[in-house]
Amino acid sequence: MGSVTKADIDQLVAERTVAREFVDTVTQHGDRTALRWMQPDGNLGSITFTEMGDKAARAAAGLRSLGVVPGDRVVLMMRNIPEFHWLDMAVLLCGATPVSIYNSSSPDQVEYLVGHCAAVVAIVENADFLAKFGVFLRACCVVFFQPVYPRLDSRDKPAQPAADKCQQRGNGPGDRDNVH
């Protein structure tokens, strides 16, 4: 077997994206399990490709309504929870690039990542994660969401509703509005 060149790989993946492959998988295998996770009661939760596709499409429509366009970057900061997967896919369906930030990142690390990737939207799980954004809170729209299985830690502040109930704050002429 000969070596594979960059040109060979480019030809194999031409016109193929993760989003396109996901849509094809939803179409071909919609009733199959796409994702499983451990629920707080110890049972497994699951979602089919059709259900995940619906959630991702609805989230993508919400992101588009916030002004996300192809080429934008969207920050995701949450624990390893089921919602991450369809929100990440929603960003890809918009033609944007998801930028995952570890929830263990320090405020300095978060500010660096958000500032240097020029994110236009940040999806965060709770107010504690949002507090790490510092000065870059004004640089992007921030969306809270309610996880299916909230953390079982009484110290956590509850997540706030998504963008439809958010307050808006303008940055100035020509800048995108912030939502928090």
N, C-alpha and C. Protein backbone atom coordinates (compact mmCIF):
# COMPACT_ATOMS: atom_id res chain seq x y z
N MET A 1 0.84 -1.18 0.00
CA MET A 1 0.00 0.00 0.00
C MET A 1 0.88 1.24 0.00
N GLY A 2 0.60 2.16 -0.91
CA GLY A 2 1.38 3.38 -1.03
C GLY A 2 0.99 4.41 0.01
N SER A 3 1.74 5.47 0.06
CA SER A 3 1.43 6.52 1.03
C SER A 3 0.27 7.38 0.52
N VAL A 4 -0.49 7.89 1.45
CA VAL A 4 -1.62 8.75 1.13
C VAL A 4 -1.14 10.19 1.19
N THR A 5 -1.46 10.93 0.14
CA THR A 5 -1.03 12.33 0.08
C THR A 5 -2.15 13.26 0.55
N LYS A 6 -1.79 14.49 0.77
CA LYS A 6 -2.78 15.51 1.13
C LYS A 6 -3.83 15.63 0.02
N ALA A 7 -3.41 15.57 -1.22
CA ALA A 7 -4.34 15.65 -2.35
C ALA A 7 -5.34 14.49 -2.32
N ASP A 8 -4.86 13.29 -1.95
CA ASP A 8 -5.75 12.13 -1.84
C ASP A 8 -6.82 12.37 -0.78
N ILE A 9 -6.38 12.87 0.35
CA ILE A 9 -7.31 13.14 1.45
C ILE A 9 -8.29 14.24 1.07
N ASP A 10 -7.79 15.31 0.45
CA ASP A 10 -8.66 16.40 0.01
C ASP A 10 -9.74 15.89 -0.93
N GLN A 11 -9.39 14.99 -1.81
CA GLN A 11 -10.35 14.44 -2.76
C GLN A 11 -11.40 13.58 -2.04
N LEU A 12 -10.97 12.84 -1.04
CA LEU A 12 -11.89 11.98 -0.28
C LEU A 12 -12.91 12.78 0.52
N VAL A 13 -12.52 13.93 1.01
CA VAL A 13 -13.42 14.70 1.88
C VAL A 13 -14.04 15.91 1.18
N ALA A 14 -13.80 16.07 -0.09
CA ALA A 14 -14.36 17.21 -0.83
C ALA A 14 -15.88 17.25 -0.65
N GLU A 15 -16.39 18.44 -0.33
CA GLU A 15 -17.82 18.68 -0.15
C GLU A 15 -18.41 17.95 1.05
N ARG A 16 -17.59 17.37 1.90
CA ARG A 16 -18.10 16.67 3.08
C ARG A 16 -17.76 17.47 4.33
N THR A 17 -18.74 17.63 5.18
CA THR A 17 -18.53 18.31 6.45
C THR A 17 -19.13 17.45 7.55
N VAL A 18 -18.79 17.74 8.77
CA VAL A 18 -19.38 17.03 9.91
C VAL A 18 -20.89 17.25 9.91
N ALA A 19 -21.32 18.47 9.66
CA ALA A 19 -22.75 18.76 9.64
C ALA A 19 -23.47 17.95 8.55
N ARG A 20 -22.90 17.91 7.36
CA ARG A 20 -23.50 17.15 6.25
C ARG A 20 -23.57 15.66 6.60
N GLU A 21 -22.50 15.13 7.18
CA GLU A 21 -22.49 13.72 7.57
C GLU A 21 -23.53 13.44 8.65
N PHE A 22 -23.71 14.38 9.58
CA PHE A 22 -24.72 14.21 10.62
C PHE A 22 -26.11 14.17 10.00
N VAL A 23 -26.41 15.11 9.11
CA VAL A 23 -27.73 15.14 8.46
C VAL A 23 -27.96 13.84 7.69
N ASP A 24 -26.95 13.36 7.00
CA ASP A 24 -27.09 12.08 6.28
C ASP A 24 -27.35 10.93 7.25
N THR A 25 -26.68 10.94 8.38
CA THR A 25 -26.89 9.88 9.38
C THR A 25 -28.30 9.95 9.95
N VAL A 26 -28.80 11.16 10.22
CA VAL A 26 -30.18 11.32 10.70
C VAL A 26 -31.15 10.74 9.68
N THR A 27 -30.92 11.03 8.40
CA THR A 27 -31.79 10.55 7.34
C THR A 27 -31.75 9.03 7.22
N GLN A 28 -30.57 8.45 7.30
CA GLN A 28 -30.41 7.01 7.10
C GLN A 28 -30.66 6.16 8.34
N HIS A 29 -30.41 6.73 9.51
CA HIS A 29 -30.47 5.93 10.75
C HIS A 29 -31.21 6.65 11.87
N GLY A 30 -32.22 7.41 11.52
CA GLY A 30 -32.91 8.26 12.48
C GLY A 30 -33.42 7.56 13.73
N ASP A 31 -33.84 6.31 13.61
CA ASP A 31 -34.40 5.61 14.76
C ASP A 31 -33.35 4.94 15.65
N ARG A 32 -32.11 5.01 15.25
CA ARG A 32 -31.03 4.41 16.05
C ARG A 32 -30.58 5.37 17.15
N THR A 33 -30.00 4.81 18.18
CA THR A 33 -29.51 5.61 19.30
C THR A 33 -28.29 6.42 18.89
N ALA A 34 -28.36 7.71 19.14
CA ALA A 34 -27.24 8.60 18.82
C ALA A 34 -26.37 8.86 20.05
N LEU A 35 -27.00 8.87 21.22
CA LEU A 35 -26.29 9.28 22.42
C LEU A 35 -26.90 8.60 23.63
N ARG A 36 -26.03 8.16 24.54
CA ARG A 36 -26.46 7.61 25.83
C ARG A 36 -25.71 8.32 26.92
N TRP A 37 -26.34 8.45 28.09
CA TRP A 37 -25.69 9.08 29.23
C TRP A 37 -26.27 8.51 30.51
N MET A 38 -25.50 8.63 31.57
CA MET A 38 -25.95 8.18 32.88
C MET A 38 -26.78 9.29 33.52
N GLN A 39 -27.99 8.94 33.92
CA GLN A 39 -28.88 9.87 34.60
C GLN A 39 -28.59 9.86 36.10
N PRO A 40 -29.02 10.88 36.82
CA PRO A 40 -28.75 10.93 38.26
C PRO A 40 -29.28 9.72 39.03
N ASP A 41 -30.36 9.09 38.53
CA ASP A 41 -30.91 7.93 39.23
C ASP A 41 -30.17 6.63 38.91
N GLY A 42 -29.11 6.72 38.11
CA GLY A 42 -28.31 5.55 37.76
C GLY A 42 -28.75 4.84 36.50
N ASN A 43 -29.89 5.21 35.93
CA ASN A 43 -30.36 4.63 34.68
C ASN A 43 -29.72 5.35 33.51
N LEU A 44 -29.71 4.67 32.36
CA LEU A 44 -29.19 5.29 31.15
C LEU A 44 -30.27 6.10 30.46
N GLY A 45 -29.94 7.31 30.07
CA GLY A 45 -30.80 8.11 29.21
C GLY A 45 -30.30 7.92 27.79
N SER A 46 -31.16 8.15 26.82
CA SER A 46 -30.71 8.04 25.43
C SER A 46 -31.56 8.93 24.55
N ILE A 47 -31.05 9.16 23.36
CA ILE A 47 -31.73 9.98 22.37
C ILE A 47 -31.40 9.38 21.00
N THR A 48 -32.39 9.37 20.11
CA THR A 48 -32.17 8.86 18.76
C THR A 48 -31.54 9.94 17.89
N PHE A 49 -31.07 9.54 16.71
CA PHE A 49 -30.54 10.52 15.77
C PHE A 49 -31.63 11.50 15.34
N THR A 50 -32.86 11.04 15.16
CA THR A 50 -33.94 11.94 14.78
C THR A 50 -34.19 12.98 15.88
N GLU A 51 -34.24 12.53 17.13
CA GLU A 51 -34.45 13.46 18.24
C GLU A 51 -33.28 14.44 18.36
N MET A 52 -32.08 13.93 18.21
CA MET A 52 -30.90 14.80 18.31
C MET A 52 -30.89 15.79 17.14
N GLY A 53 -31.25 15.32 15.96
CA GLY A 53 -31.32 16.21 14.80
C GLY A 53 -32.33 17.32 15.01
N ASP A 54 -33.48 16.99 15.61
CA ASP A 54 -34.50 18.01 15.88
C ASP A 54 -33.98 19.04 16.88
N LYS A 55 -33.35 18.58 17.96
CA LYS A 55 -32.82 19.50 18.96
C LYS A 55 -31.72 20.38 18.36
N ALA A 56 -30.84 19.78 17.56
CA ALA A 56 -29.76 20.55 16.93
C ALA A 56 -30.32 21.57 15.95
N ALA A 57 -31.33 21.18 15.17
CA ALA A 57 -31.93 22.11 14.19
C ALA A 57 -32.61 23.27 14.89
N ARG A 58 -33.34 23.00 15.99
CA ARG A 58 -34.00 24.08 16.72
C ARG A 58 -32.97 25.01 17.36
N ALA A 59 -31.90 24.43 17.90
CA ALA A 59 -30.84 25.27 18.49
C ALA A 59 -30.14 26.09 17.41
N ALA A 60 -29.93 25.49 16.23
CA ALA A 60 -29.31 26.23 15.12
C ALA A 60 -30.19 27.40 14.70
N ALA A 61 -31.49 27.20 14.66
CA ALA A 61 -32.41 28.30 14.31
C ALA A 61 -32.30 29.42 15.35
N GLY A 62 -32.18 29.05 16.62
CA GLY A 62 -31.99 30.06 17.66
C GLY A 62 -30.69 30.81 17.50
N LEU A 63 -29.63 30.10 17.17
CA LEU A 63 -28.33 30.75 16.96
C LEU A 63 -28.40 31.70 15.76
N ARG A 64 -29.05 31.27 14.69
CA ARG A 64 -29.19 32.14 13.53
C ARG A 64 -29.97 33.40 13.89
N SER A 65 -31.00 33.24 14.74
CA SER A 65 -31.79 34.41 15.14
C SER A 65 -30.96 35.38 15.98
N LEU A 66 -29.88 34.90 16.57
CA LEU A 66 -28.96 35.76 17.31
C LEU A 66 -27.88 36.36 16.41
N GLY A 67 -27.93 36.01 15.12
CA GLY A 67 -26.99 36.58 14.17
C GLY A 67 -25.80 35.73 13.82
N VAL A 68 -25.77 34.46 14.25
CA VAL A 68 -24.64 33.59 13.91
C VAL A 68 -24.69 33.26 12.42
N VAL A 69 -23.56 33.48 11.75
CA VAL A 69 -23.45 33.22 10.31
C VAL A 69 -22.23 32.33 10.06
N PRO A 70 -22.16 31.71 8.87
CA PRO A 70 -21.00 30.87 8.57
C PRO A 70 -19.70 31.65 8.79
N GLY A 71 -18.75 30.97 9.42
CA GLY A 71 -17.45 31.57 9.69
C GLY A 71 -17.32 32.15 11.09
N ASP A 72 -18.47 32.38 11.77
CA ASP A 72 -18.42 32.87 13.15
C ASP A 72 -17.89 31.79 14.08
N ARG A 73 -17.51 32.21 15.27
CA ARG A 73 -17.13 31.27 16.32
C ARG A 73 -18.13 31.40 17.47
N VAL A 74 -18.49 30.26 18.04
CA VAL A 74 -19.42 30.20 19.17
C VAL A 74 -18.75 29.41 20.28
N VAL A 75 -18.66 30.03 21.45
CA VAL A 75 -18.06 29.38 22.62
C VAL A 75 -19.10 28.55 23.34
N LEU A 76 -18.72 27.34 23.74
CA LEU A 76 -19.57 26.49 24.57
C LEU A 76 -18.82 26.21 25.87
N MET A 77 -19.46 26.51 26.98
CA MET A 77 -18.84 26.25 28.28
C MET A 77 -19.86 25.56 29.17
N MET A 78 -19.69 24.26 29.30
CA MET A 78 -20.59 23.45 30.11
C MET A 78 -19.90 22.17 30.51
N ARG A 79 -20.53 21.46 31.43
CA ARG A 79 -19.99 20.17 31.82
C ARG A 79 -20.21 19.16 30.69
N ASN A 80 -19.77 17.93 30.90
CA ASN A 80 -19.99 16.86 29.94
C ASN A 80 -21.42 16.36 30.12
N ILE A 81 -22.35 17.02 29.44
CA ILE A 81 -23.77 16.74 29.57
C ILE A 81 -24.36 16.51 28.18
N PRO A 82 -25.52 15.86 28.10
CA PRO A 82 -26.11 15.57 26.78
C PRO A 82 -26.29 16.81 25.90
N GLU A 83 -26.71 17.91 26.49
CA GLU A 83 -26.98 19.13 25.71
C GLU A 83 -25.76 19.61 24.93
N PHE A 84 -24.58 19.36 25.46
CA PHE A 84 -23.37 19.80 24.76
C PHE A 84 -23.39 19.28 23.32
N HIS A 85 -23.76 18.02 23.14
CA HIS A 85 -23.64 17.38 21.83
C HIS A 85 -24.56 18.00 20.79
N TRP A 86 -25.82 18.28 21.14
CA TRP A 86 -26.68 18.89 20.12
C TRP A 86 -26.43 20.38 19.98
N LEU A 87 -25.93 21.03 21.02
CA LEU A 87 -25.57 22.44 20.86
C LEU A 87 -24.31 22.60 20.01
N ASP A 88 -23.34 21.72 20.20
CA ASP A 88 -22.14 21.71 19.37
C ASP A 88 -22.52 21.48 17.90
N MET A 89 -23.41 20.52 17.66
CA MET A 89 -23.86 20.24 16.30
C MET A 89 -24.64 21.42 15.74
N ALA A 90 -25.41 22.11 16.57
CA ALA A 90 -26.16 23.29 16.11
C ALA A 90 -25.22 24.35 15.55
N VAL A 91 -24.10 24.54 16.23
CA VAL A 91 -23.11 25.52 15.76
C VAL A 91 -22.60 25.10 14.38
N LEU A 92 -22.29 23.82 14.23
CA LEU A 92 -21.80 23.32 12.94
C LEU A 92 -22.87 23.45 11.85
N LEU A 93 -24.13 23.21 12.20
CA LEU A 93 -25.21 23.36 11.22
C LEU A 93 -25.35 24.80 10.73
N CYS A 94 -24.92 25.75 11.54
CA CYS A 94 -24.93 27.16 11.13
C CYS A 94 -23.73 27.51 10.25
N GLY A 95 -22.80 26.58 10.11
CA GLY A 95 -21.57 26.87 9.36
C GLY A 95 -20.55 27.60 10.20
N ALA A 96 -20.79 27.66 11.49
CA ALA A 96 -19.88 28.33 12.42
C ALA A 96 -18.95 27.30 13.05
N THR A 97 -18.01 27.78 13.83
CA THR A 97 -17.03 26.92 14.49
C THR A 97 -17.27 26.91 15.99
N PRO A 98 -17.53 25.72 16.56
CA PRO A 98 -17.68 25.65 18.01
C PRO A 98 -16.32 25.70 18.69
N VAL A 99 -16.24 26.46 19.77
CA VAL A 99 -15.01 26.57 20.56
C VAL A 99 -15.36 26.13 21.97
N SER A 100 -14.93 24.93 22.34
CA SER A 100 -15.24 24.41 23.68
C SER A 100 -14.22 24.91 24.68
N ILE A 101 -14.73 25.34 25.81
CA ILE A 101 -13.87 25.80 26.90
C ILE A 101 -14.14 24.90 28.10
N TYR A 102 -13.07 24.33 28.65
CA TYR A 102 -13.22 23.50 29.84
C TYR A 102 -13.81 24.32 30.97
N ASN A 103 -14.77 23.74 31.69
CA ASN A 103 -15.37 24.49 32.79
C ASN A 103 -14.40 24.67 33.95
N SER A 104 -13.29 23.95 33.93
CA SER A 104 -12.26 24.12 34.96
C SER A 104 -11.27 25.24 34.62
N SER A 105 -11.45 25.86 33.46
CA SER A 105 -10.54 26.94 33.05
C SER A 105 -10.66 28.13 34.00
N SER A 106 -9.54 28.79 34.22
CA SER A 106 -9.53 29.99 35.06
C SER A 106 -10.15 31.16 34.30
N PRO A 107 -10.58 32.20 35.01
CA PRO A 107 -11.10 33.39 34.32
C PRO A 107 -10.10 33.96 33.29
N ASP A 108 -8.81 33.97 33.61
CA ASP A 108 -7.81 34.46 32.66
C ASP A 108 -7.78 33.61 31.40
N GLN A 109 -7.86 32.31 31.55
CA GLN A 109 -7.86 31.42 30.39
C GLN A 109 -9.12 31.63 29.55
N VAL A 110 -10.27 31.77 30.20
CA VAL A 110 -11.52 31.99 29.48
C VAL A 110 -11.46 33.30 28.71
N GLU A 111 -11.02 34.37 29.38
CA GLU A 111 -10.92 35.67 28.70
C GLU A 111 -9.99 35.58 27.49
N TYR A 112 -8.87 34.89 27.63
CA TYR A 112 -7.93 34.73 26.53
C TYR A 112 -8.60 34.00 25.36
N LEU A 113 -9.22 32.86 25.65
CA LEU A 113 -9.83 32.06 24.59
C LEU A 113 -10.97 32.80 23.90
N VAL A 114 -11.85 33.41 24.67
CA VAL A 114 -12.99 34.12 24.09
C VAL A 114 -12.50 35.32 23.27
N GLY A 115 -11.53 36.04 23.81
CA GLY A 115 -11.01 37.21 23.10
C GLY A 115 -10.27 36.87 21.83
N HIS A 116 -9.46 35.83 21.87
CA HIS A 116 -8.65 35.49 20.71
C HIS A 116 -9.41 34.74 19.62
N CYS A 117 -10.49 34.08 19.98
CA CYS A 117 -11.26 33.41 18.92
C CYS A 117 -12.33 34.33 18.34
N ALA A 118 -12.54 35.49 18.97
CA ALA A 118 -13.52 36.48 18.50
C ALA A 118 -14.93 35.88 18.42
N ALA A 119 -15.32 35.16 19.47
CA ALA A 119 -16.65 34.55 19.52
C ALA A 119 -17.73 35.61 19.47
N VAL A 120 -18.83 35.29 18.77
CA VAL A 120 -19.97 36.20 18.70
C VAL A 120 -21.09 35.77 19.63
N VAL A 121 -21.07 34.50 20.03
CA VAL A 121 -22.05 33.96 20.97
C VAL A 121 -21.33 33.02 21.91
N ALA A 122 -21.76 33.02 23.16
CA ALA A 122 -21.28 32.06 24.14
C ALA A 122 -22.49 31.35 24.73
N ILE A 123 -22.44 30.04 24.78
CA ILE A 123 -23.49 29.25 25.41
C ILE A 123 -22.90 28.70 26.69
N VAL A 124 -23.46 29.13 27.81
CA VAL A 124 -22.92 28.72 29.11
C VAL A 124 -24.01 28.04 29.92
N GLU A 125 -23.56 27.14 30.78
CA GLU A 125 -24.51 26.35 31.56
C GLU A 125 -25.05 27.08 32.78
N ASN A 126 -24.22 27.93 33.37
CA ASN A 126 -24.71 28.58 34.59
C ASN A 126 -23.95 29.88 34.85
N ALA A 127 -24.40 30.60 35.86
CA ALA A 127 -23.84 31.91 36.18
C ALA A 127 -22.38 31.80 36.64
N ASP A 128 -22.01 30.70 37.28
CA ASP A 128 -20.61 30.54 37.70
C ASP A 128 -19.68 30.50 36.49
N PHE A 129 -20.09 29.82 35.44
CA PHE A 129 -19.27 29.79 34.22
C PHE A 129 -19.24 31.17 33.58
N LEU A 130 -20.38 31.84 33.57
CA LEU A 130 -20.45 33.18 32.98
C LEU A 130 -19.52 34.15 33.70
N ALA A 131 -19.40 34.01 35.00
CA ALA A 131 -18.56 34.92 35.78
C ALA A 131 -17.10 34.88 35.33
N LYS A 132 -16.69 33.82 34.67
CA LYS A 132 -15.31 33.69 34.19
C LYS A 132 -15.04 34.49 32.93
N PHE A 133 -16.08 35.06 32.31
CA PHE A 133 -15.91 35.77 31.05
C PHE A 133 -15.35 37.18 31.20
N GLY A 134 -15.49 37.79 32.34
CA GLY A 134 -14.91 39.10 32.61
C GLY A 134 -15.26 40.13 31.56
N VAL A 135 -14.25 40.86 31.09
CA VAL A 135 -14.47 41.96 30.15
C VAL A 135 -15.02 41.50 28.81
N PHE A 136 -14.86 40.22 28.47
CA PHE A 136 -15.32 39.76 27.17
C PHE A 136 -16.81 39.46 27.15
N LEU A 137 -17.48 39.64 28.29
CA LEU A 137 -18.93 39.50 28.32
C LEU A 137 -19.56 40.47 27.34
N ARG A 138 -18.99 41.65 27.20
CA ARG A 138 -19.54 42.65 26.27
C ARG A 138 -19.22 42.35 24.82
N ALA A 139 -18.32 41.42 24.56
CA ALA A 139 -17.89 41.15 23.19
C ALA A 139 -18.79 40.16 22.47
N CYS A 140 -19.65 39.46 23.21
CA CYS A 140 -20.48 38.46 22.54
C CYS A 140 -21.83 38.33 23.22
N CYS A 141 -22.73 37.69 22.54
CA CYS A 141 -24.05 37.39 23.07
C CYS A 141 -23.91 36.15 23.95
N VAL A 142 -24.52 36.14 25.12
CA VAL A 142 -24.42 35.00 26.03
C VAL A 142 -25.79 34.38 26.23
N VAL A 143 -25.87 33.08 26.09
CA VAL A 143 -27.12 32.35 26.24
C VAL A 143 -26.97 31.34 27.37
N PHE A 144 -27.88 31.37 28.34
CA PHE A 144 -27.96 30.36 29.38
C PHE A 144 -28.95 29.30 28.91
N PHE A 145 -28.82 28.09 29.38
CA PHE A 145 -29.82 27.08 29.11
C PHE A 145 -30.01 26.23 30.35
N GLN A 146 -31.12 25.51 30.41
CA GLN A 146 -31.42 24.64 31.54
C GLN A 146 -31.07 23.21 31.15
N PRO A 147 -30.08 22.61 31.79
CA PRO A 147 -29.73 21.22 31.47
C PRO A 147 -30.87 20.26 31.80
N VAL A 148 -30.93 19.15 31.06
CA VAL A 148 -31.92 18.12 31.33
C VAL A 148 -31.73 17.59 32.75
N TYR A 149 -30.49 17.34 33.13
CA TYR A 149 -30.18 16.84 34.46
C TYR A 149 -29.25 17.82 35.14
N PRO A 150 -29.81 18.77 35.90
CA PRO A 150 -28.95 19.74 36.57
C PRO A 150 -28.00 19.06 37.54
N ARG A 151 -26.95 19.75 37.83
CA ARG A 151 -25.96 19.26 38.77
C ARG A 151 -26.60 18.96 40.11
N LEU A 152 -26.15 17.94 40.76
CA LEU A 152 -26.67 17.59 42.08
C LEU A 152 -25.80 18.21 43.16
N ASP A 153 -25.62 19.51 43.07
CA ASP A 153 -24.75 20.23 44.00
C ASP A 153 -25.50 21.47 44.45
N SER A 154 -25.84 21.56 45.72
CA SER A 154 -26.66 22.66 46.20
C SER A 154 -25.97 24.01 46.12
N ARG A 155 -24.65 24.02 45.88
CA ARG A 155 -23.95 25.29 45.77
C ARG A 155 -24.16 25.94 44.43
N ASP A 156 -24.61 25.19 43.45
CA ASP A 156 -24.81 25.74 42.11
C ASP A 156 -25.97 26.72 42.09
N LYS A 157 -25.78 27.76 41.32
CA LYS A 157 -26.87 28.69 41.06
C LYS A 157 -27.69 28.09 39.92
N PRO A 158 -29.00 28.19 39.94
CA PRO A 158 -29.77 27.61 38.85
C PRO A 158 -29.49 28.33 37.53
N ALA A 159 -29.51 27.55 36.46
CA ALA A 159 -29.34 28.15 35.13
C ALA A 159 -30.56 28.99 34.82
N GLN A 160 -30.38 30.05 34.04
CA GLN A 160 -31.49 30.91 33.66
C GLN A 160 -32.04 30.46 32.32
N PRO A 161 -33.25 30.89 31.97
CA PRO A 161 -33.84 30.49 30.69
C PRO A 161 -33.00 30.97 29.51
N ALA A 162 -33.24 30.34 28.38
CA ALA A 162 -32.50 30.68 27.16
C ALA A 162 -32.86 32.07 26.66
N ALA A 163 -32.37 32.40 25.50
CA ALA A 163 -32.37 33.76 24.97
C ALA A 163 -33.75 34.42 24.87
N ASP A 164 -34.83 33.65 24.76
CA ASP A 164 -36.13 34.29 24.59
C ASP A 164 -36.54 35.12 25.80
N LYS A 165 -35.93 34.90 26.96
CA LYS A 165 -36.26 35.68 28.15
C LYS A 165 -35.07 36.49 28.63
N CYS A 166 -34.07 36.63 27.79
CA CYS A 166 -32.86 37.36 28.19
C CYS A 166 -33.07 38.86 28.05
N GLN A 167 -32.24 39.61 28.74
CA GLN A 167 -32.23 41.05 28.60
C GLN A 167 -31.17 41.40 27.56
N GLN A 168 -31.41 42.46 26.79
CA GLN A 168 -30.43 42.85 25.78
C GLN A 168 -29.74 44.13 26.18
N ARG A 169 -28.47 44.21 25.79
CA ARG A 169 -27.63 45.36 26.08
C ARG A 169 -26.82 45.66 24.84
N GLY A 170 -26.88 46.85 24.33
CA GLY A 170 -26.11 47.19 23.15
C GLY A 170 -24.69 47.60 23.49
N ASN A 171 -23.77 47.31 22.59
CA ASN A 171 -22.38 47.70 22.75
C ASN A 171 -22.11 49.06 22.13
N GLY A 172 -22.89 49.42 21.16
CA GLY A 172 -22.64 50.66 20.46
C GLY A 172 -22.98 50.50 19.00
N PRO A 173 -22.86 51.54 18.22
CA PRO A 173 -23.23 51.48 16.80
C PRO A 173 -22.47 50.39 16.06
N GLY A 174 -23.23 49.56 15.36
CA GLY A 174 -22.64 48.52 14.53
C GLY A 174 -22.24 47.26 15.27
N ASP A 175 -22.25 47.27 16.59
CA ASP A 175 -21.88 46.09 17.35
C ASP A 175 -23.10 45.21 17.58
N ARG A 176 -22.85 43.93 17.79
CA ARG A 176 -23.96 43.02 18.10
C ARG A 176 -24.45 43.31 19.51
N ASP A 177 -25.71 43.00 19.76
CA ASP A 177 -26.26 43.14 21.09
C ASP A 177 -25.77 41.99 21.96
N ASN A 178 -25.63 42.27 23.24
CA ASN A 178 -25.34 41.22 24.22
C ASN A 178 -26.65 40.73 24.79
N VAL A 179 -26.71 39.49 25.08
CA VAL A 179 -27.86 38.92 25.76
C VAL A 179 -27.32 38.21 26.98
N HIS A 180 -27.89 38.46 28.12
CA HIS A 180 -27.44 37.75 29.32
C HIS A 180 -28.62 37.39 30.20
